[in-house]
Amino acid sequence: MSSTPVLDFLRDPAHWCRGAYGKDKDGNPLTLADVDKAEKCCLQGAIKRFYPNPFDRPKGLLLIRAAIPREKTMASFNDNITHKQLIELLEKAQI
């Protein structure tokens, strides 16, 4: 199983969050622009943290977007799945 920065970070449930793009060490929510300071991130926040330039993002991002129902944003999708489902998706997408 290969590894990526997003998968490595979110594999630890303590680094994953819901309800915010990221949270600092005190649990305060962060904006997407500030996720580089996050102790925890949602799926979208982690992608932004490790691939700040959209042109550098892996092609696996297309697999993630394909797995998200059209009526949901990546953030709302993140907030309605389990950590196990998140990791399975990241492993499949290799992102």
C-alpha atoms as a PDB file:
ATOM      1  CA  MET A   1       0.000   0.000   0.000  1.00  0.00           C
ATOM      2  CA  SER A   2       1.578   3.274  -1.060  1.00  0.00           C
ATOM      3  CA  SER A   3       1.253   6.386   0.967  1.00  0.00           C
ATOM      4  CA  THR A   4       0.566  10.069   0.343  1.00  0.00           C
ATOM      5  CA  PRO A   5       0.769  13.134   2.627  1.00  0.00           C
ATOM      6  CA  VAL A   6      -3.035  13.393   2.934  1.00  0.00           C
ATOM      7  CA  LEU A   7      -3.450   9.686   3.683  1.00  0.00           C
ATOM      8  CA  ASP A   8      -0.518   9.670   6.112  1.00  0.00           C
ATOM      9  CA  PHE A   9      -1.984  12.609   8.015  1.00  0.00           C
ATOM     10  CA  LEU A  10      -5.635  11.513   8.086  1.00  0.00           C
ATOM     11  CA  ARG A  11      -4.886   7.855   8.821  1.00  0.00           C
ATOM     12  CA  ASP A  12      -4.631   8.904  12.473  1.00  0.00           C
ATOM     13  CA  PRO A  13      -8.218   9.590  13.641  1.00  0.00           C
ATOM     14  CA  ALA A  14      -6.850  12.290  15.949  1.00  0.00           C
ATOM     15  CA  HIS A  15      -5.941  14.328  12.838  1.00  0.00           C
ATOM     16  CA  TRP A  16      -9.395  14.146  11.255  1.00  0.00           C
ATOM     17  CA  CYS A  17     -12.251  16.518  12.047  1.00  0.00           C
ATOM     18  CA  ARG A  18     -15.787  17.305  11.016  1.00  0.00           C
ATOM     19  CA  GLY A  19     -17.625  20.588  10.989  1.00  0.00           C
ATOM     20  CA  ALA A  20     -14.605  22.717  10.043  1.00  0.00           C
ATOM     21  CA  TYR A  21     -11.905  22.698   7.386  1.00  0.00           C
ATOM     22  CA  GLY A  22      -9.394  22.412  10.195  1.00  0.00           C
ATOM     23  CA  LYS A  23      -8.919  22.937  13.912  1.00  0.00           C
ATOM     24  CA  ASP A  24      -5.943  24.347  15.768  1.00  0.00           C
ATOM     25  CA  LYS A  25      -4.307  22.772  18.818  1.00  0.00           C
ATOM     26  CA  ASP A  26      -7.001  24.296  21.054  1.00  0.00           C
ATOM     27  CA  GLY A  27      -9.853  22.950  18.919  1.00  0.00           C
ATOM     28  CA  ASN A  28     -10.728  26.313  17.378  1.00  0.00           C
ATOM     29  CA  PRO A  29     -12.085  26.079  13.807  1.00  0.00           C
ATOM     30  CA  LEU A  30      -9.883  27.359  10.998  1.00  0.00           C
ATOM     31  CA  THR A  31     -10.753  28.687   7.575  1.00  0.00           C
ATOM     32  CA  LEU A  32      -9.562  26.915   4.464  1.00  0.00           C
ATOM     33  CA  ALA A  33      -6.903  29.636   4.104  1.00  0.00           C
ATOM     34  CA  ASP A  34      -5.444  28.743   7.512  1.00  0.00           C
ATOM     35  CA  VAL A  35      -5.356  24.928   7.370  1.00  0.00           C
ATOM     36  CA  ASP A  36      -1.558  24.966   7.156  1.00  0.00           C
ATOM     37  CA  LYS A  37      -1.722  25.670  10.937  1.00  0.00           C
ATOM     38  CA  ALA A  38      -4.211  22.881  11.649  1.00  0.00           C
ATOM     39  CA  GLU A  39      -3.698  20.005  14.074  1.00  0.00           C
ATOM     40  CA  LYS A  40      -6.812  18.360  12.575  1.00  0.00           C
ATOM     41  CA  CYS A  41      -8.354  18.646   9.115  1.00  0.00           C
ATOM     42  CA  CYS A  42     -11.394  17.510   7.219  1.00  0.00           C
ATOM     43  CA  LEU A  43     -10.863  15.884   3.825  1.00  0.00           C
ATOM     44  CA  GLN A  44     -10.933  19.168   1.910  1.00  0.00           C
ATOM     45  CA  GLY A  45      -8.753  20.908   4.486  1.00  0.00           C
ATOM     46  CA  ALA A  46      -6.115  18.163   4.328  1.00  0.00           C
ATOM     47  CA  ILE A  47      -6.015  18.303   0.534  1.00  0.00           C
ATOM     48  CA  LYS A  48      -5.547  22.096   0.694  1.00  0.00           C
ATOM     49  CA  ARG A  49      -2.924  21.767   3.449  1.00  0.00           C
ATOM     50  CA  PHE A  50      -0.718  19.313   1.586  1.00  0.00           C
ATOM     51  CA  TYR A  51      -1.432  20.508  -1.959  1.00  0.00           C
ATOM     52  CA  PRO A  52      -1.911  24.296  -1.647  1.00  0.00           C
ATOM     53  CA  ASN A  53      -1.412  24.780  -5.384  1.00  0.00           C
ATOM     54  CA  PRO A  54      -4.426  23.267  -7.190  1.00  0.00           C
ATOM     55  CA  PHE A  55      -2.196  22.400 -10.160  1.00  0.00           C
ATOM     56  CA  ASP A  56      -0.122  20.084  -7.942  1.00  0.00           C
ATOM     57  CA  ARG A  57      -3.077  18.038  -6.726  1.00  0.00           C
ATOM     58  CA  PRO A  58      -3.020  14.360  -7.691  1.00  0.00           C
ATOM     59  CA  LYS A  59      -5.339  12.854 -10.253  1.00  0.00           C
ATOM     60  CA  GLY A  60      -6.815  10.766  -7.429  1.00  0.00           C
ATOM     61  CA  LEU A  61      -8.809  13.854  -6.512  1.00  0.00           C
ATOM     62  CA  LEU A  62     -11.052  13.016  -9.488  1.00  0.00           C
ATOM     63  CA  LEU A  63     -11.865   9.648  -7.863  1.00  0.00           C
ATOM     64  CA  ILE A  64     -12.790  11.395  -4.642  1.00  0.00           C
ATOM     65  CA  ARG A  65     -15.046  13.878  -6.424  1.00  0.00           C
ATOM     66  CA  ALA A  66     -16.680  10.988  -8.319  1.00  0.00           C
ATOM     67  CA  ALA A  67     -17.478   9.273  -5.013  1.00  0.00           C
ATOM     68  CA  ILE A  68     -19.282  12.336  -3.676  1.00  0.00           C
ATOM     69  CA  PRO A  69     -22.972  12.614  -4.571  1.00  0.00           C
ATOM     70  CA  ARG A  70     -23.675  15.677  -6.723  1.00  0.00           C
ATOM     71  CA  GLU A  71     -25.852  17.304  -4.095  1.00  0.00           C
ATOM     72  CA  LYS A  72     -23.044  17.268  -1.513  1.00  0.00           C
ATOM     73  CA  THR A  73     -19.951  19.370  -1.163  1.00  0.00           C
ATOM     74  CA  MET A  74     -16.693  17.722  -0.183  1.00  0.00           C
ATOM     75  CA  ALA A  75     -17.102  19.255   3.289  1.00  0.00           C
ATOM     76  CA  SER A  76     -20.629  17.914   3.815  1.00  0.00           C
ATOM     77  CA  PHE A  77     -19.559  14.522   2.481  1.00  0.00           C
ATOM     78  CA  ASN A  78     -16.691  14.472   5.001  1.00  0.00           C
ATOM     79  CA  ASP A  79     -19.101  15.301   7.816  1.00  0.00           C
ATOM     80  CA  ASN A  80     -21.348  12.337   7.012  1.00  0.00           C
ATOM     81  CA  ILE A  81     -18.909   9.441   6.661  1.00  0.00           C
ATOM     82  CA  THR A  82     -16.918   7.400   9.155  1.00  0.00           C
ATOM     83  CA  HIS A  83     -13.166   7.583   9.539  1.00  0.00           C
ATOM     84  CA  LYS A  84     -12.936   4.053   8.135  1.00  0.00           C
ATOM     85  CA  GLN A  85     -14.865   5.112   5.008  1.00  0.00           C
ATOM     86  CA  LEU A  86     -12.592   8.133   4.621  1.00  0.00           C
ATOM     87  CA  ILE A  87      -9.433   6.027   4.762  1.00  0.00           C
ATOM     88  CA  GLU A  88     -10.841   3.466   2.327  1.00  0.00           C
ATOM     89  CA  LEU A  89     -11.617   6.271  -0.133  1.00  0.00           C
ATOM     90  CA  LEU A  90      -8.169   7.837   0.262  1.00  0.00           C
ATOM     91  CA  GLU A  91      -6.448   4.482  -0.216  1.00  0.00           C
ATOM     92  CA  LYS A  92      -8.450   3.809  -3.365  1.00  0.00           C
ATOM     93  CA  ALA A  93      -7.777   7.301  -4.751  1.00  0.00           C
ATOM     94  CA  GLN A  94      -4.141   7.319  -3.586  1.00  0.00           C
ATOM     95  CA  ILE A  95      -4.366  10.906  -2.466  1.00  0.00           C
END
